[in-house]
């Protein structure tokens, strides 16, 4: 009853509540009293607005109030002053009419789609081909390396019975102009007695010209020409002896000297590589 009287708007001008929640050195703790009255007035708590009361206060029915344990109360307004952009300039004439049938422009739309997809596929394939070509080209040998891939040798500069050394792909290259006696000597060798059996006829294209890679098959040393126990090549590092056909005859080397790819352009020109 007292609370109702305090809340009443008719008696509000005649009531004045005084309260002190915490005591201090100047004033002791005193309850709230109504001046000029014998009744104690308890201050009322503020009224909290809920979705039910907000729904009654809001001006129109278009505004919705949402409330629940998982969401906060929200008020959403519709913004009707936004203009929608017009894309008519970018649309095809066949689809501008909203009453037109889609099947009437189906062929034209499909043709345009196929054209765009096909053009994009061709452009993508060309771009991929260019990227792959550039990548492979970057991994290819440089011009100076390609220049040494093949060498041309003038056979007329090598006298009979001599062995000349050239540089091919960073390796020494032995070219020996053999005499008839040397050829006959190497072809009389019993192949079954060799560590790496190979006939002399199979190691040369022309019997008088012997072409070898001057790298020892043991540990990669460079043998000396016209030396050793068999008059061919000798590796002083570990004592490997090769005959006049480049076949291993004595020492630790396991294989014969390598024969590079070569061809005779004519009687006086040899291409190695």
Protein backbone atom coordinates (compact mmCIF):
# COMPACT_ATOMS: atom_id res chain seq x y z
CA UNK A 1 0.00 0.00 0.00
CA UNK A 2 2.76 2.39 0.86
CA UNK A 3 4.55 1.59 -2.38
CA UNK A 4 1.37 2.22 -4.32
CA UNK A 5 0.92 5.58 -2.63
CA UNK A 6 4.49 6.52 -3.36
CA UNK A 7 4.10 5.62 -7.03
CA UNK A 8 0.84 7.50 -7.43
CA UNK A 9 1.16 10.62 -9.50
CA UNK A 10 -1.43 12.51 -7.40
CA UNK A 11 0.61 12.38 -4.17
CA UNK A 12 4.06 12.77 -5.73
CA UNK A 13 4.28 16.55 -5.15
CA UNK A 14 3.52 16.12 -1.43
CA UNK A 15 6.07 13.39 -0.74
CA UNK A 16 9.83 13.76 -0.45
CA UNK A 17 12.04 10.77 0.30
CA UNK A 18 15.36 11.08 2.04
CA UNK A 19 17.76 8.13 2.27
CA UNK A 20 21.38 7.42 3.01
CA UNK A 21 22.82 4.06 2.00
CA UNK A 22 26.26 4.34 3.68
CA UNK A 23 27.11 5.99 7.04
CA UNK A 24 30.04 8.41 7.30
CA UNK A 25 31.66 10.73 9.91
CA UNK A 26 29.16 13.50 9.23
CA UNK A 27 25.89 11.63 8.97
CA UNK A 28 24.76 8.37 10.51
CA UNK A 29 22.92 5.75 8.50
CA UNK A 30 19.24 6.80 8.33
CA UNK A 31 16.27 5.10 6.71
CA UNK A 32 14.30 6.78 3.96
CA UNK A 33 11.36 8.75 5.45
CA UNK A 34 8.68 10.88 3.95
CA UNK A 35 8.73 14.41 5.27
CA UNK A 36 5.39 15.58 6.54
CA UNK A 37 4.05 12.04 6.79
CA UNK A 38 4.13 9.19 9.27
CA UNK A 39 4.59 6.58 6.52
CA UNK A 40 7.96 5.10 5.46
CA UNK A 41 8.36 5.23 1.69
CA UNK A 42 10.50 2.53 0.06
CA UNK A 43 12.15 3.76 -3.15
CA UNK A 44 10.86 1.88 -6.15
CA UNK A 45 13.04 0.06 -8.66
CA UNK A 46 13.06 1.27 -12.27
CA UNK A 47 10.77 -0.42 -14.71
CA UNK A 48 12.72 -2.53 -17.19
CA UNK A 49 11.47 -2.60 -20.75
CA UNK A 50 10.92 -6.09 -22.20
CA UNK A 51 9.83 -7.23 -25.62
CA UNK A 52 6.19 -7.16 -24.62
CA UNK A 53 6.25 -3.53 -23.50
CA UNK A 54 8.52 -2.46 -26.36
CA UNK A 55 6.07 -3.93 -28.85
CA UNK A 56 3.36 -1.68 -27.45
CA UNK A 57 5.54 1.44 -27.48
CA UNK A 58 7.00 1.12 -31.00
CA UNK A 59 5.17 3.31 -33.54
CA UNK A 60 4.44 0.80 -36.34
CA UNK A 61 3.94 -2.89 -36.79
CA UNK A 62 6.83 -3.15 -39.34
CA UNK A 63 9.44 -2.99 -36.56
CA UNK A 64 10.15 -6.39 -35.04
CA UNK A 65 11.57 -7.06 -31.61
CA UNK A 66 13.59 -10.21 -31.04
CA UNK A 67 14.34 -11.49 -27.57
CA UNK A 68 15.63 -14.75 -26.21
CA UNK A 69 18.27 -16.37 -24.04
CA UNK A 70 20.80 -16.50 -26.89
CA UNK A 71 20.28 -13.03 -28.41
CA UNK A 72 19.97 -9.47 -27.27
CA UNK A 73 16.95 -7.33 -28.02
CA UNK A 74 17.39 -5.78 -31.48
CA UNK A 75 15.36 -3.31 -33.49
CA UNK A 76 15.78 -3.55 -37.25
CA UNK A 77 14.68 -0.82 -39.61
CA UNK A 78 14.18 -1.24 -43.37
CA UNK A 79 16.28 1.19 -45.41
CA UNK A 80 14.07 2.01 -48.36
CA UNK A 81 16.11 4.95 -49.63
CA UNK A 82 18.75 2.78 -51.33
CA UNK A 83 18.72 2.74 -55.13
CA UNK A 84 19.34 -0.52 -56.97
CA UNK A 85 21.91 -0.15 -59.80
CA UNK A 86 20.66 -0.68 -63.33
CA UNK A 87 22.64 -3.22 -65.37
CA UNK A 88 20.52 -2.96 -68.50
CA UNK A 89 23.46 -1.66 -70.53
CA UNK A 90 25.39 -4.87 -69.81
CA UNK A 91 22.56 -7.30 -70.58
CA UNK A 92 21.87 -8.82 -73.95
CA UNK A 93 18.82 -7.58 -75.79
CA UNK A 94 17.31 -11.05 -75.84
CA UNK A 95 17.02 -11.20 -72.03
CA UNK A 96 15.93 -7.64 -71.28
CA UNK A 97 12.27 -8.39 -71.67
CA UNK A 98 11.01 -10.03 -68.41
CA UNK A 99 8.10 -11.62 -70.25
CA UNK A 100 10.26 -13.33 -72.88
CA UNK A 101 10.70 -17.10 -72.82
CA UNK A 102 14.16 -18.38 -71.79
CA UNK A 103 14.10 -21.05 -74.49
CA UNK A 104 13.94 -18.39 -77.20
CA UNK A 105 17.44 -17.12 -76.35
CA UNK A 106 18.88 -20.45 -75.19
CA UNK A 107 20.96 -21.12 -78.32
CA UNK A 108 22.48 -17.64 -78.36
CA UNK A 109 23.36 -17.80 -74.68
CA UNK A 110 24.92 -21.24 -75.02
CA UNK A 111 26.95 -20.16 -78.03
CA UNK A 112 28.31 -17.17 -76.17
CA UNK A 113 29.17 -19.35 -73.14
CA UNK A 114 30.95 -21.93 -75.31
CA UNK A 115 32.88 -19.17 -77.05
CA UNK A 116 34.07 -17.66 -73.76
CA UNK A 117 35.00 -21.04 -72.27
CA UNK A 118 36.81 -22.15 -75.44
CA UNK A 119 38.74 -18.90 -75.70
CA UNK A 120 39.73 -19.09 -72.06
CA UNK A 121 40.87 -22.70 -72.47
CA UNK A 122 43.04 -21.84 -75.49
CA UNK A 123 44.57 -18.86 -73.70
CA UNK A 124 45.26 -20.97 -70.60
CA UNK A 125 46.88 -23.73 -72.67
CA UNK A 126 49.11 -21.21 -74.46
CA UNK A 127 50.10 -19.61 -71.15
CA UNK A 128 50.89 -23.02 -69.64
CA UNK A 129 52.95 -23.95 -72.70
CA UNK A 130 54.91 -20.70 -72.43
CA UNK A 131 55.61 -21.24 -68.73
CA UNK A 132 56.80 -24.81 -69.30
CA UNK A 133 58.98 -23.75 -72.24
CA UNK A 134 60.61 -20.99 -70.23
CA UNK A 135 61.23 -23.35 -67.30
CA UNK A 136 62.79 -26.06 -69.48
CA UNK A 137 64.87 -23.49 -71.34
CA UNK A 138 66.23 -22.12 -68.07
CA UNK A 139 67.46 -25.61 -67.17
CA UNK A 140 69.16 -26.19 -70.53
CA UNK A 141 72.88 -25.89 -71.04
CA UNK A 142 74.30 -22.45 -71.63
CA UNK A 143 75.77 -21.33 -74.94
CA UNK A 144 79.38 -21.88 -73.86
CA UNK A 145 78.58 -25.43 -72.74
CA UNK A 146 76.76 -26.19 -75.99
CA UNK A 147 79.74 -24.88 -77.91
CA UNK A 148 81.89 -27.58 -76.30
CA UNK A 149 79.30 -30.33 -76.80
CA UNK A 150 80.83 -31.11 -80.18
CA UNK A 151 84.30 -30.49 -81.47
CA UNK A 152 85.74 -30.79 -84.94
CA UNK A 153 89.18 -32.32 -85.37
CA UNK A 154 91.35 -32.03 -88.46
CA UNK A 155 92.91 -35.46 -88.82
CA UNK A 156 95.56 -34.20 -91.23
CA UNK A 157 97.31 -32.46 -88.31
CA UNK A 158 97.97 -35.76 -86.49
CA UNK A 159 100.96 -37.65 -87.91
CA UNK A 160 101.04 -41.42 -88.01
CA UNK A 161 102.15 -43.06 -84.77
CA UNK A 162 101.29 -40.03 -82.62
CA UNK A 163 98.52 -39.37 -80.09
CA UNK A 164 97.07 -35.89 -79.65
CA UNK A 165 95.04 -34.64 -76.70
CA UNK A 166 92.00 -32.36 -77.06
CA UNK A 167 89.45 -30.96 -74.64
CA UNK A 168 85.88 -32.20 -75.01
CA UNK A 169 83.10 -31.42 -72.49
CA UNK A 170 85.69 -30.62 -69.85
CA UNK A 171 87.49 -33.95 -70.32
CA UNK A 172 90.70 -34.88 -72.13
CA UNK A 173 90.17 -36.57 -75.48
CA UNK A 174 92.84 -38.88 -76.93
CA UNK A 175 93.01 -39.30 -80.72
CA UNK A 176 95.70 -41.72 -81.89
CA UNK A 177 96.85 -42.22 -85.47
CA UNK A 178 97.92 -45.85 -85.38
CA UNK A 179 100.46 -47.51 -87.63
CA UNK A 180 99.77 -50.82 -89.39
CA UNK A 181 102.11 -52.59 -86.96
CA UNK A 182 100.14 -51.27 -83.95
CA UNK A 183 96.86 -52.35 -85.51
CA UNK A 184 98.17 -55.87 -86.18
CA UNK A 185 99.58 -56.12 -82.66
CA UNK A 186 96.29 -55.23 -80.97
CA UNK A 187 94.27 -57.60 -83.11
CA UNK A 188 96.49 -60.57 -82.19
CA UNK A 189 95.63 -60.17 -78.48
CA UNK A 190 93.67 -63.08 -76.97
CA UNK A 191 90.41 -61.43 -75.87
CA UNK A 192 89.65 -64.17 -73.33
CA UNK A 193 92.66 -63.13 -71.27
CA UNK A 194 91.48 -59.53 -70.87
CA UNK A 195 89.84 -58.20 -67.70
CA UNK A 196 87.27 -56.31 -69.78
CA UNK A 197 87.04 -58.47 -72.94
CA UNK A 198 86.57 -56.40 -76.08
CA UNK A 199 87.93 -56.84 -79.59
CA UNK A 200 89.94 -54.10 -81.26
CA UNK A 201 87.62 -54.12 -84.28
CA UNK A 202 84.67 -53.24 -82.01
CA UNK A 203 86.45 -50.23 -80.50
CA UNK A 204 87.24 -48.34 -83.72
CA UNK A 205 85.33 -47.22 -86.82
CA UNK A 206 88.49 -46.94 -88.88
CA UNK A 207 91.36 -49.15 -87.86
CA UNK A 208 93.99 -46.39 -88.08
CA UNK A 209 92.10 -43.93 -85.85
CA UNK A 210 91.58 -44.62 -82.14
CA UNK A 211 89.36 -42.15 -80.26
CA UNK A 212 89.25 -42.40 -76.45
CA UNK A 213 88.15 -40.38 -73.40
CA UNK A 214 91.39 -39.78 -71.49
CA UNK A 215 90.04 -40.57 -68.03
CA UNK A 216 91.26 -43.59 -66.07
CA UNK A 217 88.41 -45.93 -65.11
CA UNK A 218 89.91 -46.45 -61.65
CA UNK A 219 89.69 -43.06 -59.91
CA UNK A 220 89.37 -40.60 -62.79
CA UNK A 221 93.05 -39.73 -63.30
CA UNK A 222 94.50 -38.76 -66.69
CA UNK A 223 96.74 -41.44 -68.23
CA UNK A 224 99.91 -40.72 -70.17
CA UNK A 225 99.92 -41.60 -73.88
CA UNK A 226 102.62 -43.80 -75.48
CA UNK A 227 103.66 -45.19 -72.10
CA UNK A 228 103.25 -48.29 -69.95
CA UNK A 229 104.14 -51.95 -70.32
CA UNK A 230 101.95 -52.37 -73.41
CA UNK A 231 102.88 -49.20 -75.31
CA UNK A 232 99.43 -47.64 -75.04
CA UNK A 233 98.47 -45.52 -72.03
CA UNK A 234 99.73 -45.52 -68.47
CA UNK A 235 98.17 -43.98 -65.33
CA UNK A 236 101.01 -43.11 -62.92
CA UNK A 237 98.65 -42.46 -59.99
CA UNK A 238 97.87 -46.13 -59.25
CA UNK A 239 99.72 -48.02 -61.97
CA UNK A 240 97.03 -48.90 -64.51
CA UNK A 241 98.39 -50.04 -67.91
CA UNK A 242 96.34 -49.85 -71.13
CA UNK A 243 97.31 -51.23 -74.52
CA UNK A 244 97.20 -49.51 -77.93
CA UNK A 245 93.44 -50.10 -78.12
CA UNK A 246 92.71 -48.52 -74.72
CA UNK A 247 91.99 -51.87 -73.04
CA UNK A 248 93.04 -52.43 -69.43
CA UNK A 249 95.86 -54.95 -69.21
CA UNK A 250 97.42 -54.38 -65.79
CA UNK A 251 96.69 -52.46 -62.57
CA UNK A 252 93.58 -51.66 -60.50
CA UNK A 253 91.40 -50.13 -63.26
CA UNK A 254 88.31 -52.35 -63.79
CA UNK A 255 87.26 -51.25 -67.31
CA UNK A 256 88.68 -50.19 -70.63
CA UNK A 257 88.98 -46.51 -71.54
CA UNK A 258 85.65 -45.05 -72.68
CA UNK A 259 84.93 -44.48 -76.36
CA UNK A 260 82.95 -41.26 -77.04
CA UNK A 261 80.36 -40.89 -79.80
CA UNK A 262 82.01 -39.66 -82.99
CA UNK A 263 81.66 -39.73 -86.75
CA UNK A 264 83.87 -39.09 -89.79
CA UNK A 265 82.59 -36.28 -91.99
CA UNK A 266 85.22 -37.09 -94.64
CA UNK A 267 88.70 -38.48 -94.80
CA UNK A 268 90.22 -35.53 -92.93
CA UNK A 269 87.49 -34.33 -90.58
CA UNK A 270 86.26 -35.95 -87.40
CA UNK A 271 83.25 -34.74 -85.32
CA UNK A 272 83.20 -35.84 -81.67
CA UNK A 273 79.92 -35.51 -79.72
